[in-house]
Amino acid sequence: RPSFVERARRLRAAGVRTALVTNNAREFRDRWRPLLPLSELFELVVDSSEVGVRKPDPAIFRLALGGLAVADPRRVVFVDDFEANVRAARALGLQGVLVGADPASALAELDALIEGL
Protein backbone atom coordinates (compact mmCIF):
# COMPACT_ATOMS: atom_id res chain seq x y z
CA ARG A 1 0.00 0.00 0.00
CA PRO A 2 1.64 3.20 -1.17
CA SER A 3 0.36 5.24 1.78
CA PHE A 4 2.11 2.91 4.23
CA VAL A 5 5.32 2.88 2.21
CA GLU A 6 5.32 6.68 2.25
CA ARG A 7 4.58 6.77 5.99
CA ALA A 8 7.46 4.35 6.69
CA ARG A 9 9.74 6.56 4.60
CA ARG A 10 8.70 9.70 6.50
CA LEU A 11 8.99 8.05 9.90
CA ARG A 12 12.44 6.68 9.23
CA ALA A 13 13.58 10.04 7.84
CA ALA A 14 12.32 11.63 11.07
CA GLY A 15 14.48 9.27 13.13
CA VAL A 16 11.78 6.78 14.15
CA ARG A 17 13.19 3.26 14.18
CA THR A 18 11.34 1.01 11.74
CA ALA A 19 11.25 -2.72 11.10
CA LEU A 20 9.38 -5.02 8.78
CA VAL A 21 8.12 -8.35 10.12
CA THR A 22 6.81 -10.33 7.21
CA ASN A 23 5.48 -13.78 6.43
CA ASN A 24 7.02 -15.12 3.25
CA ALA A 25 7.75 -18.36 1.53
CA ARG A 26 11.40 -18.94 0.72
CA GLU A 27 10.66 -19.37 -2.99
CA PHE A 28 9.16 -15.85 -3.18
CA ARG A 29 11.94 -14.02 -1.33
CA ASP A 30 13.83 -13.02 -4.46
CA ARG A 31 10.64 -11.71 -6.07
CA TRP A 32 9.25 -9.42 -3.38
CA ARG A 33 12.42 -7.83 -2.07
CA PRO A 34 13.14 -5.80 -5.23
CA LEU A 35 9.61 -4.34 -5.06
CA LEU A 36 10.42 -2.13 -2.07
CA PRO A 37 13.40 0.02 -1.11
CA LEU A 38 13.80 -2.00 2.08
CA SER A 39 17.01 -0.42 3.33
CA GLU A 40 15.51 3.03 2.87
CA LEU A 41 12.31 2.15 4.72
CA PHE A 42 13.42 -0.23 7.46
CA GLU A 43 16.31 -0.56 9.84
CA LEU A 44 15.52 -4.26 10.24
CA VAL A 45 13.71 -6.86 8.14
CA VAL A 46 12.57 -10.04 9.89
CA ASP A 47 11.57 -12.38 7.06
CA SER A 48 9.83 -15.56 8.16
CA SER A 49 11.42 -17.51 5.31
CA GLU A 50 14.83 -16.71 6.77
CA VAL A 51 14.15 -17.04 10.49
CA GLY A 52 11.88 -20.09 10.34
CA VAL A 53 8.96 -18.67 12.29
CA ARG A 54 5.83 -16.86 11.11
CA LYS A 55 3.39 -14.34 12.51
CA PRO A 56 1.45 -14.67 14.77
CA ASP A 57 4.04 -16.78 16.60
CA PRO A 58 5.38 -14.59 19.44
CA ALA A 59 8.92 -15.68 18.59
CA ILE A 60 8.98 -13.58 15.42
CA PHE A 61 8.05 -10.46 17.38
CA ARG A 62 10.75 -11.25 19.94
CA LEU A 63 13.27 -11.49 17.09
CA ALA A 64 12.25 -8.03 15.90
CA LEU A 65 12.44 -6.58 19.40
CA GLY A 66 15.85 -8.14 19.92
CA GLY A 67 17.10 -7.03 16.53
CA LEU A 68 16.20 -3.45 17.39
CA ALA A 69 17.44 -3.85 20.97
CA VAL A 70 14.07 -2.68 22.32
CA ALA A 71 13.87 -2.99 26.09
CA ASP A 72 10.24 -1.89 26.46
CA PRO A 73 7.79 -3.40 23.95
CA ARG A 74 5.15 -0.87 25.04
CA ARG A 75 7.16 1.70 23.07
CA VAL A 76 6.64 -0.26 19.84
CA VAL A 77 3.72 0.06 17.46
CA PHE A 78 2.97 -2.93 15.25
CA VAL A 79 0.81 -2.42 12.15
CA ASP A 80 -0.78 -5.32 10.27
CA ASP A 81 -3.86 -6.16 8.24
CA PHE A 82 -4.45 -9.51 9.96
CA GLU A 83 -6.18 -9.35 13.33
CA ALA A 84 -4.49 -12.45 14.79
CA ASN A 85 -1.08 -10.88 14.16
CA VAL A 86 -2.08 -7.67 15.91
CA ARG A 87 -3.52 -9.64 18.86
CA ALA A 88 -0.29 -11.64 19.17
CA ALA A 89 1.80 -8.47 19.19
CA ARG A 90 -0.45 -6.88 21.79
CA ALA A 91 -0.15 -9.98 23.98
CA LEU A 92 3.60 -9.31 24.13
CA GLY A 93 3.00 -5.72 25.18
CA LEU A 94 3.37 -4.01 21.82
CA GLN A 95 0.80 -1.47 20.74
CA GLY A 96 -1.12 -2.69 17.71
CA VAL A 97 -2.89 -1.08 14.79
CA LEU A 98 -5.18 -3.17 12.64
CA VAL A 99 -5.40 -2.00 9.04
CA GLY A 100 -8.94 -2.45 7.83
CA ALA A 101 -10.94 -1.22 4.87
CA ASP A 102 -9.95 2.39 5.56
CA PRO A 103 -6.14 2.68 5.57
CA ALA A 104 -6.38 6.38 6.45
CA SER A 105 -7.94 5.45 9.78
CA ALA A 106 -5.08 3.07 10.57
CA LEU A 107 -2.52 5.73 9.63
CA ALA A 108 -4.24 8.24 11.92
CA GLU A 109 -4.18 5.70 14.74
CA LEU A 110 -0.50 5.02 14.07
CA ASP A 111 0.28 8.73 14.17
CA ALA A 112 -1.58 9.17 17.45
CA LEU A 113 0.25 6.25 19.06
CA ILE A 114 3.65 7.47 17.90
CA GLU A 115 2.89 10.97 19.14
CA GLY A 116 1.96 9.49 22.52
CA LEU A 117 5.30 7.75 22.79
C-alpha atoms as a PDB file:
ATOM      1  CA  ARG A   1       0.000   0.000   0.000  1.00  0.00           C
ATOM      2  CA  PRO A   2       1.641   3.198  -1.166  1.00  0.00           C
ATOM      3  CA  SER A   3       0.363   5.245   1.778  1.00  0.00           C
ATOM      4  CA  PHE A   4       2.114   2.913   4.232  1.00  0.00           C
ATOM      5  CA  VAL A   5       5.319   2.884   2.214  1.00  0.00           C
ATOM      6  CA  GLU A   6       5.322   6.676   2.254  1.00  0.00           C
ATOM      7  CA  ARG A   7       4.581   6.767   5.989  1.00  0.00           C
ATOM      8  CA  ALA A   8       7.458   4.346   6.689  1.00  0.00           C
ATOM      9  CA  ARG A   9       9.738   6.559   4.595  1.00  0.00           C
ATOM     10  CA  ARG A  10       8.700   9.697   6.504  1.00  0.00           C
ATOM     11  CA  LEU A  11       8.985   8.046   9.902  1.00  0.00           C
ATOM     12  CA  ARG A  12      12.439   6.677   9.226  1.00  0.00           C
ATOM     13  CA  ALA A  13      13.584  10.042   7.844  1.00  0.00           C
ATOM     14  CA  ALA A  14      12.318  11.626  11.072  1.00  0.00           C
ATOM     15  CA  GLY A  15      14.479   9.267  13.132  1.00  0.00           C
ATOM     16  CA  VAL A  16      11.784   6.779  14.147  1.00  0.00           C
ATOM     17  CA  ARG A  17      13.188   3.258  14.179  1.00  0.00           C
ATOM     18  CA  THR A  18      11.341   1.013  11.743  1.00  0.00           C
ATOM     19  CA  ALA A  19      11.254  -2.715  11.104  1.00  0.00           C
ATOM     20  CA  LEU A  20       9.377  -5.021   8.785  1.00  0.00           C
ATOM     21  CA  VAL A  21       8.120  -8.351  10.122  1.00  0.00           C
ATOM     22  CA  THR A  22       6.809 -10.329   7.209  1.00  0.00           C
ATOM     23  CA  ASN A  23       5.483 -13.778   6.430  1.00  0.00           C
ATOM     24  CA  ASN A  24       7.018 -15.115   3.247  1.00  0.00           C
ATOM     25  CA  ALA A  25       7.749 -18.362   1.534  1.00  0.00           C
ATOM     26  CA  ARG A  26      11.402 -18.940   0.721  1.00  0.00           C
ATOM     27  CA  GLU A  27      10.660 -19.373  -2.986  1.00  0.00           C
ATOM     28  CA  PHE A  28       9.158 -15.855  -3.180  1.00  0.00           C
ATOM     29  CA  ARG A  29      11.937 -14.022  -1.326  1.00  0.00           C
ATOM     30  CA  ASP A  30      13.827 -13.020  -4.455  1.00  0.00           C
ATOM     31  CA  ARG A  31      10.642 -11.714  -6.074  1.00  0.00           C
ATOM     32  CA  TRP A  32       9.245  -9.420  -3.383  1.00  0.00           C
ATOM     33  CA  ARG A  33      12.425  -7.830  -2.066  1.00  0.00           C
ATOM     34  CA  PRO A  34      13.136  -5.804  -5.231  1.00  0.00           C
ATOM     35  CA  LEU A  35       9.605  -4.344  -5.058  1.00  0.00           C
ATOM     36  CA  LEU A  36      10.419  -2.132  -2.066  1.00  0.00           C
ATOM     37  CA  PRO A  37      13.398   0.022  -1.111  1.00  0.00           C
ATOM     38  CA  LEU A  38      13.796  -2.000   2.084  1.00  0.00           C
ATOM     39  CA  SER A  39      17.013  -0.423   3.329  1.00  0.00           C
ATOM     40  CA  GLU A  40      15.505   3.032   2.867  1.00  0.00           C
ATOM     41  CA  LEU A  41      12.312   2.153   4.723  1.00  0.00           C
ATOM     42  CA  PHE A  42      13.417  -0.231   7.462  1.00  0.00           C
ATOM     43  CA  GLU A  43      16.315  -0.561   9.836  1.00  0.00           C
ATOM     44  CA  LEU A  44      15.519  -4.255  10.236  1.00  0.00           C
ATOM     45  CA  VAL A  45      13.705  -6.863   8.145  1.00  0.00           C
ATOM     46  CA  VAL A  46      12.568 -10.044   9.893  1.00  0.00           C
ATOM     47  CA  ASP A  47      11.566 -12.377   7.063  1.00  0.00           C
ATOM     48  CA  SER A  48       9.833 -15.559   8.157  1.00  0.00           C
ATOM     49  CA  SER A  49      11.424 -17.509   5.308  1.00  0.00           C
ATOM     50  CA  GLU A  50      14.829 -16.709   6.768  1.00  0.00           C
ATOM     51  CA  VAL A  51      14.150 -17.038  10.489  1.00  0.00           C
ATOM     52  CA  GLY A  52      11.883 -20.090  10.340  1.00  0.00           C
ATOM     53  CA  VAL A  53       8.956 -18.673  12.289  1.00  0.00           C
ATOM     54  CA  ARG A  54       5.835 -16.855  11.107  1.00  0.00           C
ATOM     55  CA  LYS A  55       3.392 -14.338  12.509  1.00  0.00           C
ATOM     56  CA  PRO A  56       1.450 -14.666  14.767  1.00  0.00           C
ATOM     57  CA  ASP A  57       4.036 -16.784  16.603  1.00  0.00           C
ATOM     58  CA  PRO A  58       5.380 -14.589  19.441  1.00  0.00           C
ATOM     59  CA  ALA A  59       8.925 -15.682  18.593  1.00  0.00           C
ATOM     60  CA  ILE A  60       8.981 -13.585  15.424  1.00  0.00           C
ATOM     61  CA  PHE A  61       8.046 -10.463  17.381  1.00  0.00           C
ATOM     62  CA  ARG A  62      10.751 -11.253  19.940  1.00  0.00           C
ATOM     63  CA  LEU A  63      13.267 -11.491  17.086  1.00  0.00           C
ATOM     64  CA  ALA A  64      12.255  -8.034  15.898  1.00  0.00           C
ATOM     65  CA  LEU A  65      12.440  -6.580  19.401  1.00  0.00           C
ATOM     66  CA  GLY A  66      15.846  -8.143  19.924  1.00  0.00           C
ATOM     67  CA  GLY A  67      17.103  -7.025  16.526  1.00  0.00           C
ATOM     68  CA  LEU A  68      16.198  -3.452  17.386  1.00  0.00           C
ATOM     69  CA  ALA A  69      17.437  -3.853  20.974  1.00  0.00           C
ATOM     70  CA  VAL A  70      14.075  -2.681  22.320  1.00  0.00           C
ATOM     71  CA  ALA A  71      13.867  -2.991  26.086  1.00  0.00           C
ATOM     72  CA  ASP A  72      10.239  -1.886  26.457  1.00  0.00           C
ATOM     73  CA  PRO A  73       7.794  -3.398  23.948  1.00  0.00           C
ATOM     74  CA  ARG A  74       5.150  -0.873  25.042  1.00  0.00           C
ATOM     75  CA  ARG A  75       7.157   1.704  23.069  1.00  0.00           C
ATOM     76  CA  VAL A  76       6.645  -0.262  19.844  1.00  0.00           C
ATOM     77  CA  VAL A  77       3.723   0.065  17.455  1.00  0.00           C
ATOM     78  CA  PHE A  78       2.969  -2.935  15.251  1.00  0.00           C
ATOM     79  CA  VAL A  79       0.813  -2.419  12.149  1.00  0.00           C
ATOM     80  CA  ASP A  80      -0.781  -5.321  10.273  1.00  0.00           C
ATOM     81  CA  ASP A  81      -3.856  -6.163   8.243  1.00  0.00           C
ATOM     82  CA  PHE A  82      -4.448  -9.508   9.959  1.00  0.00           C
ATOM     83  CA  GLU A  83      -6.182  -9.349  13.325  1.00  0.00           C
ATOM     84  CA  ALA A  84      -4.490 -12.446  14.787  1.00  0.00           C
ATOM     85  CA  ASN A  85      -1.081 -10.882  14.165  1.00  0.00           C
ATOM     86  CA  VAL A  86      -2.077  -7.668  15.911  1.00  0.00           C
ATOM     87  CA  ARG A  87      -3.516  -9.638  18.858  1.00  0.00           C
ATOM     88  CA  ALA A  88      -0.286 -11.635  19.170  1.00  0.00           C
ATOM     89  CA  ALA A  89       1.805  -8.471  19.189  1.00  0.00           C
ATOM     90  CA  ARG A  90      -0.447  -6.875  21.794  1.00  0.00           C
ATOM     91  CA  ALA A  91      -0.153  -9.983  23.977  1.00  0.00           C
ATOM     92  CA  LEU A  92       3.597  -9.312  24.130  1.00  0.00           C
ATOM     93  CA  GLY A  93       2.999  -5.723  25.182  1.00  0.00           C
ATOM     94  CA  LEU A  94       3.370  -4.008  21.823  1.00  0.00           C
ATOM     95  CA  GLN A  95       0.798  -1.467  20.737  1.00  0.00           C
ATOM     96  CA  GLY A  96      -1.117  -2.693  17.713  1.00  0.00           C
ATOM     97  CA  VAL A  97      -2.889  -1.083  14.786  1.00  0.00           C
ATOM     98  CA  LEU A  98      -5.182  -3.171  12.639  1.00  0.00           C
ATOM     99  CA  VAL A  99      -5.404  -2.000   9.038  1.00  0.00           C
ATOM    100  CA  GLY A 100      -8.939  -2.446   7.825  1.00  0.00           C
ATOM    101  CA  ALA A 101     -10.943  -1.220   4.873  1.00  0.00           C
ATOM    102  CA  ASP A 102      -9.946   2.392   5.560  1.00  0.00           C
ATOM    103  CA  PRO A 103      -6.143   2.679   5.567  1.00  0.00           C
ATOM    104  CA  ALA A 104      -6.376   6.379   6.449  1.00  0.00           C
ATOM    105  CA  SER A 105      -7.936   5.446   9.780  1.00  0.00           C
ATOM    106  CA  ALA A 106      -5.077   3.071  10.567  1.00  0.00           C
ATOM    107  CA  LEU A 107      -2.517   5.732   9.632  1.00  0.00           C
ATOM    108  CA  ALA A 108      -4.244   8.245  11.915  1.00  0.00           C
ATOM    109  CA  GLU A 109      -4.183   5.699  14.742  1.00  0.00           C
ATOM    110  CA  LEU A 110      -0.501   5.024  14.071  1.00  0.00           C
ATOM    111  CA  ASP A 111       0.282   8.732  14.171  1.00  0.00           C
ATOM    112  CA  ALA A 112      -1.576   9.169  17.451  1.00  0.00           C
ATOM    113  CA  LEU A 113       0.246   6.253  19.063  1.00  0.00           C
ATOM    114  CA  ILE A 114       3.645   7.474  17.900  1.00  0.00           C
ATOM    115  CA  GLU A 115       2.886  10.973  19.143  1.00  0.00           C
ATOM    116  CA  GLY A 116       1.961   9.487  22.517  1.00  0.00           C
ATOM    117  CA  LEU A 117       5.299   7.746  22.789  1.00  0.00           C
END
